[in-house]
Amino acid sequence: MIDELAHFLLIAEHGTFTEAARHAHLTQPALSASIRRLEERVGARLLSRGRHGATLTASGTAFLPRARATIAAFEDGRRAAREIEGLEAGEVRLGAGATVCTYLLPPIVAAFRRAHPGITFVLRESTTDEALDGLARGHLDLAIVTTKGGERWMTDELVLIAAPGTCDPLSAPFVTFRPGATTRQLVEKSFPDARIVMELGSIAAVKENVRAGVGVALVSRHAVEDDVARGRLVIVDDRRTPIARPLRIVHRGLDRLPPAAAALRAMLLERVRRKR
């Protein structure tokens, strides 16, 4: 059953039986037989096969997120069992935004690796939507994101920064992140008339261009503490800032966390409790 579900997801992702068969290392007849078995067990037609590829039927569309959840749950269980039995050292996969990855997680990740040297650690820089999608697909165990759900971790403050000596920074253009990033969304919400002159993919690039005088930027206070102390950047006094941004730990449920991911979650929460 798991194989049939995986084959269905491959077709949904790639759009053709040909591509799905190639990724599954199967012949097309074998893949077609797998889908027939799945449809017989489900009792509905899930895929419509046409000249331009395969598309989901209405039943297939409804079935898709459940299939993804089932595969994710199976992988969680398999990994947890192997870790407990000692067959694998374990793995933890975490997704988070640029600020969290660059400024908040490094000391925690280092401490976690010292405490658990045999565990493989995978950290993926992601937008909130990308991280939540990774959780749903079973590609991530934990995510630290700005969302209404999940467990409260800490509050991040966003401030407006400029190069020292910038004339009239409140009328300067904005250097910011690509669409989809949480900070970009906050710029558009809090500064609706902002003139955006740069869309960048990293916090380092944003700060460097602000230091060069290209414009101002809305960034985490954590990201500029050292720059401000060294006089390389200044925080602009603006009635719309600082903006409080809650960071939350999200997962698919405590009972579904593999042991390694559960250990990391506990460390994340404990570090914040100590600071309080």
Protein backbone atom coordinates (compact mmCIF):
# COMPACT_ATOMS: atom_id res chain seq x y z
CA MET A 1 0.00 0.00 0.00
CA ILE A 2 2.83 2.40 0.83
CA ASP A 3 4.43 1.82 -2.58
CA GLU A 4 1.13 2.52 -4.35
CA LEU A 5 0.70 5.76 -2.41
CA ALA A 6 4.26 6.80 -3.27
CA HIS A 7 3.62 6.08 -6.96
CA PHE A 8 0.43 8.16 -6.87
CA LEU A 9 2.33 11.09 -5.32
CA LEU A 10 5.04 10.86 -7.98
CA ILE A 11 2.46 11.11 -10.77
CA ALA A 12 0.75 14.04 -9.03
CA GLU A 13 4.10 15.80 -8.69
CA HIS A 14 5.50 15.16 -12.19
CA GLY A 15 2.29 15.21 -14.18
CA THR A 16 3.01 12.18 -16.37
CA PHE A 17 3.26 8.43 -15.95
CA THR A 18 6.50 8.51 -17.95
CA GLU A 19 8.33 10.85 -15.56
CA ALA A 20 6.87 9.15 -12.49
CA ALA A 21 7.96 5.73 -13.75
CA ARG A 22 11.48 7.04 -14.34
CA HIS A 23 11.74 8.41 -10.79
CA ALA A 24 10.25 5.21 -9.34
CA HIS A 25 12.60 3.03 -11.43
CA LEU A 26 9.61 1.14 -12.83
CA THR A 27 8.26 0.38 -16.26
CA GLN A 28 5.11 2.27 -17.23
CA PRO A 29 3.00 -0.92 -17.23
CA ALA A 30 4.17 -1.70 -13.70
CA LEU A 31 3.34 1.83 -12.57
CA SER A 32 -0.09 1.66 -14.21
CA ALA A 33 -0.77 -1.63 -12.43
CA SER A 34 0.22 -0.05 -9.10
CA ILE A 35 -2.24 2.82 -9.63
CA ARG A 36 -5.02 0.40 -10.59
CA ARG A 37 -4.48 -1.50 -7.34
CA LEU A 38 -4.63 1.75 -5.39
CA GLU A 39 -7.82 2.91 -7.12
CA GLU A 40 -9.44 -0.47 -6.46
CA ARG A 41 -8.63 -0.23 -2.76
CA VAL A 42 -9.79 3.39 -2.54
CA GLY A 43 -12.89 2.68 -4.59
CA ALA A 44 -12.53 5.74 -6.81
CA ARG A 45 -10.72 6.91 -9.91
CA LEU A 46 -7.86 9.12 -8.80
CA LEU A 47 -6.12 10.03 -12.05
CA SER A 48 -7.24 11.00 -15.51
CA ARG A 49 -4.76 10.05 -18.21
CA GLY A 50 -4.79 12.20 -21.39
CA ARG A 51 -2.65 13.18 -24.35
CA HIS A 52 -0.80 15.83 -22.37
CA GLY A 53 -0.21 13.86 -19.20
CA ALA A 54 -2.04 12.80 -16.06
CA THR A 55 -4.30 15.03 -14.01
CA LEU A 56 -6.01 14.50 -10.69
CA THR A 57 -9.72 13.78 -10.68
CA ALA A 58 -11.90 15.42 -8.03
CA SER A 59 -11.46 12.28 -5.93
CA GLY A 60 -7.72 12.37 -6.55
CA THR A 61 -7.51 15.98 -5.41
CA ALA A 62 -9.33 15.13 -2.17
CA PHE A 63 -7.14 12.05 -1.68
CA LEU A 64 -3.79 13.82 -2.29
CA PRO A 65 -3.20 15.49 1.12
CA ARG A 66 -4.22 12.29 2.92
CA ALA A 67 -1.77 10.29 0.84
CA ARG A 68 1.00 12.72 1.70
CA ALA A 69 0.12 12.55 5.39
CA THR A 70 0.14 8.73 5.32
CA ILE A 71 3.57 8.59 3.70
CA ALA A 72 4.91 11.14 6.18
CA ALA A 73 3.49 9.18 9.13
CA PHE A 74 5.02 5.94 7.84
CA GLU A 75 8.45 7.57 7.47
CA ASP A 76 8.19 9.04 10.96
CA GLY A 77 7.37 5.64 12.40
CA ARG A 78 10.11 3.88 10.48
CA ARG A 79 12.75 6.36 11.60
CA ALA A 80 11.57 6.33 15.22
CA ALA A 81 11.63 2.53 15.37
CA ARG A 82 15.12 2.33 13.89
CA GLU A 83 16.47 4.97 16.23
CA ILE A 84 15.03 3.21 19.28
CA GLU A 85 16.35 -0.14 18.11
CA GLY A 86 19.76 1.38 17.54
CA LEU A 87 19.81 0.58 13.82
CA GLU A 88 20.42 4.24 12.97
CA ALA A 89 21.97 7.11 14.86
CA GLY A 90 19.00 9.27 13.96
CA GLU A 91 18.27 12.40 12.00
CA VAL A 92 16.52 15.68 12.68
CA ARG A 93 15.31 18.00 9.89
CA LEU A 94 14.50 21.60 10.72
CA GLY A 95 13.25 24.44 8.53
CA ALA A 96 13.44 28.12 9.50
CA GLY A 97 13.75 31.62 8.08
CA ALA A 98 16.97 33.46 7.28
CA THR A 99 17.19 35.37 10.56
CA VAL A 100 16.61 32.29 12.68
CA CYS A 101 19.10 30.21 10.67
CA THR A 102 21.78 32.89 10.74
CA TYR A 103 21.51 34.53 14.16
CA LEU A 104 19.41 32.44 16.56
CA LEU A 105 20.06 28.78 15.80
CA PRO A 106 23.87 28.43 15.45
CA PRO A 107 24.67 28.21 19.21
CA ILE A 108 21.73 25.87 19.79
CA VAL A 109 22.67 23.63 16.86
CA ALA A 110 26.27 23.52 18.09
CA ALA A 111 25.13 22.53 21.59
CA PHE A 112 22.78 19.90 20.18
CA ARG A 113 25.54 18.36 18.07
CA ARG A 114 27.87 18.24 21.07
CA ALA A 115 25.19 16.46 23.11
CA HIS A 116 24.21 14.11 20.27
CA PRO A 117 27.24 13.67 17.98
CA GLY A 118 25.78 10.65 16.20
CA ILE A 119 22.66 12.41 14.98
CA THR A 120 22.57 13.85 11.48
CA PHE A 121 21.31 17.43 11.47
CA VAL A 122 19.66 19.01 8.41
CA LEU A 123 18.80 22.72 8.54
CA ARG A 124 16.91 24.24 5.61
CA GLU A 125 16.45 27.98 5.17
CA SER A 126 12.80 28.41 4.17
CA THR A 127 9.93 30.85 4.03
CA THR A 128 7.01 30.10 6.35
CA ASP A 129 4.97 28.62 3.48
CA GLU A 130 7.89 26.47 2.32
CA ALA A 131 8.52 25.17 5.84
CA LEU A 132 4.86 24.32 6.45
CA ASP A 133 4.72 22.54 3.10
CA GLY A 134 7.85 20.61 4.05
CA LEU A 135 6.16 19.50 7.27
CA ALA A 136 3.01 18.42 5.43
CA ARG A 137 5.03 16.42 2.90
CA GLY A 138 7.14 14.78 5.61
CA HIS A 139 10.36 16.45 4.43
CA LEU A 140 10.81 18.29 7.75
CA ASP A 141 10.31 17.27 11.38
CA LEU A 142 10.21 20.77 12.88
CA ALA A 143 9.86 24.32 11.64
CA ILE A 144 10.45 27.66 13.33
CA VAL A 145 8.09 30.06 11.60
CA THR A 146 5.81 33.05 12.04
CA THR A 147 2.36 31.50 12.13
CA LYS A 148 -0.65 31.37 14.44
CA GLY A 149 -0.30 27.68 15.23
CA GLY A 150 2.44 25.77 16.97
CA GLU A 151 4.28 26.35 20.24
CA ARG A 152 5.44 29.81 21.27
CA TRP A 153 9.25 30.03 21.15
CA MET A 154 10.30 33.67 21.29
CA THR A 155 9.43 37.13 19.99
CA ASP A 156 11.61 38.72 17.34
CA GLU A 157 11.66 42.51 16.91
CA LEU A 158 11.95 44.08 13.46
CA VAL A 159 13.53 47.52 13.20
CA LEU A 160 14.19 49.97 10.38
CA ILE A 161 17.89 50.39 9.56
CA ALA A 162 19.91 52.78 7.43
CA ALA A 163 23.52 53.71 6.75
CA PRO A 164 24.95 56.30 9.17
CA GLY A 165 24.40 59.82 7.86
CA THR A 166 21.53 58.89 5.53
CA CYS A 167 19.55 62.02 4.67
CA ASP A 168 15.83 61.67 5.34
CA PRO A 169 15.78 57.85 5.76
CA LEU A 170 12.00 57.82 6.10
CA SER A 171 11.69 58.76 2.41
CA ALA A 172 14.44 56.42 1.21
CA PRO A 173 13.69 53.36 -0.96
CA PHE A 174 13.62 49.87 0.54
CA VAL A 175 16.05 47.00 0.22
CA THR A 176 14.16 43.84 1.14
CA PHE A 177 13.61 40.13 0.58
CA ARG A 178 11.90 38.25 -2.21
CA PRO A 179 8.08 37.93 -2.26
CA GLY A 180 6.86 35.23 0.08
CA ALA A 181 9.32 36.03 2.85
CA THR A 182 7.67 37.05 6.13
CA THR A 183 9.72 40.25 6.38
CA ARG A 184 8.68 41.24 2.87
CA GLN A 185 5.04 40.78 3.83
CA LEU A 186 5.54 43.01 6.88
CA VAL A 187 7.19 45.70 4.75
CA GLU A 188 4.19 45.68 2.39
CA LYS A 189 1.76 45.79 5.33
CA SER A 190 3.47 48.42 7.50
CA PHE A 191 4.98 50.52 4.70
CA PRO A 192 2.37 50.27 1.90
CA ASP A 193 3.90 53.20 -0.01
CA ALA A 194 7.43 51.83 0.16
CA ARG A 195 9.47 52.04 -3.04
CA ILE A 196 11.31 48.74 -3.33
CA VAL A 197 14.56 48.95 -5.29
CA MET A 198 16.11 45.58 -4.40
CA GLU A 199 14.79 42.07 -3.74
CA LEU A 200 17.51 39.91 -2.21
CA GLY A 201 17.80 36.38 -0.93
CA SER A 202 19.93 36.77 2.18
CA ILE A 203 20.10 38.97 5.25
CA ALA A 204 23.83 39.55 4.60
CA ALA A 205 23.08 40.97 1.14
CA VAL A 206 20.35 43.20 2.54
CA LYS A 207 22.66 44.65 5.21
CA GLU A 208 25.55 45.16 2.80
CA ASN A 209 23.42 47.18 0.41
CA VAL A 210 21.97 49.25 3.22
CA ARG A 211 25.50 49.96 4.49
CA ALA A 212 26.39 51.08 0.95
CA GLY A 213 23.56 53.62 1.04
CA VAL A 214 21.23 51.95 -1.46
CA GLY A 215 18.23 52.33 0.84
CA VAL A 216 16.72 51.37 4.17
CA ALA A 217 15.55 47.94 5.32
CA LEU A 218 13.26 46.29 7.84
CA VAL A 219 15.23 43.54 9.60
CA SER A 220 15.44 41.65 12.86
CA ARG A 221 17.12 43.48 15.72
CA HIS A 222 19.15 40.30 16.29
CA ALA A 223 20.64 40.66 12.80
CA VAL A 224 22.04 44.16 13.33
CA GLU A 225 23.13 44.30 16.96
CA ASP A 226 26.81 43.99 16.08
CA ASP A 227 26.57 46.40 13.10
CA VAL A 228 24.87 49.04 15.24
CA ALA A 229 27.42 48.63 18.03
CA ARG A 230 30.25 49.11 15.51
CA GLY A 231 28.60 52.17 13.97
CA ARG A 232 28.12 50.50 10.58
CA LEU A 233 24.33 50.83 10.67
CA VAL A 234 21.83 52.90 12.60
CA ILE A 235 18.31 52.12 13.76
CA VAL A 236 15.86 54.66 12.38
CA ASP A 237 13.30 56.07 14.79
CA ASP A 238 9.91 55.44 13.18
CA ARG A 239 6.44 55.28 14.75
CA ARG A 240 5.71 52.02 12.88
CA THR A 241 8.61 50.17 14.44
CA PRO A 242 9.67 48.07 16.20
CA ILE A 243 7.35 45.35 14.91
CA ALA A 244 6.94 42.33 17.19
CA ARG A 245 7.10 39.06 15.27
CA PRO A 246 6.31 35.86 17.23
CA LEU A 247 8.38 32.82 16.35
CA ARG A 248 6.76 29.44 16.89
CA ILE A 249 7.89 25.83 16.77
CA VAL A 250 5.61 23.82 14.50
CA HIS A 251 5.42 20.05 13.99
CA ARG A 252 2.85 17.40 13.15
CA GLY A 253 2.26 16.44 16.78
CA LEU A 254 4.38 15.46 19.78
CA ASP A 255 3.48 11.80 19.39
CA ARG A 256 4.75 11.86 15.80
CA LEU A 257 8.15 13.41 16.49
CA PRO A 258 11.10 11.03 16.01
CA PRO A 259 13.34 10.83 19.10
CA ALA A 260 16.03 13.11 17.61
CA ALA A 261 13.52 15.80 16.68
CA ALA A 262 11.88 15.55 20.11
CA ALA A 263 15.29 16.11 21.73
CA LEU A 264 15.91 19.21 19.62
CA ARG A 265 12.46 20.64 20.42
CA ALA A 266 13.15 20.18 24.14
CA MET A 267 16.50 21.96 23.80
CA LEU A 268 14.96 24.87 21.87
CA LEU A 269 12.31 25.42 24.55
CA GLU A 270 14.78 25.01 27.41
CA ARG A 271 17.18 27.61 25.95
CA VAL A 272 14.38 30.18 25.80
CA ARG A 273 13.21 29.38 29.34
CA ARG A 274 16.77 29.97 30.64
CA LYS A 275 16.94 33.41 29.01
CA ARG A 276 13.66 34.41 30.63
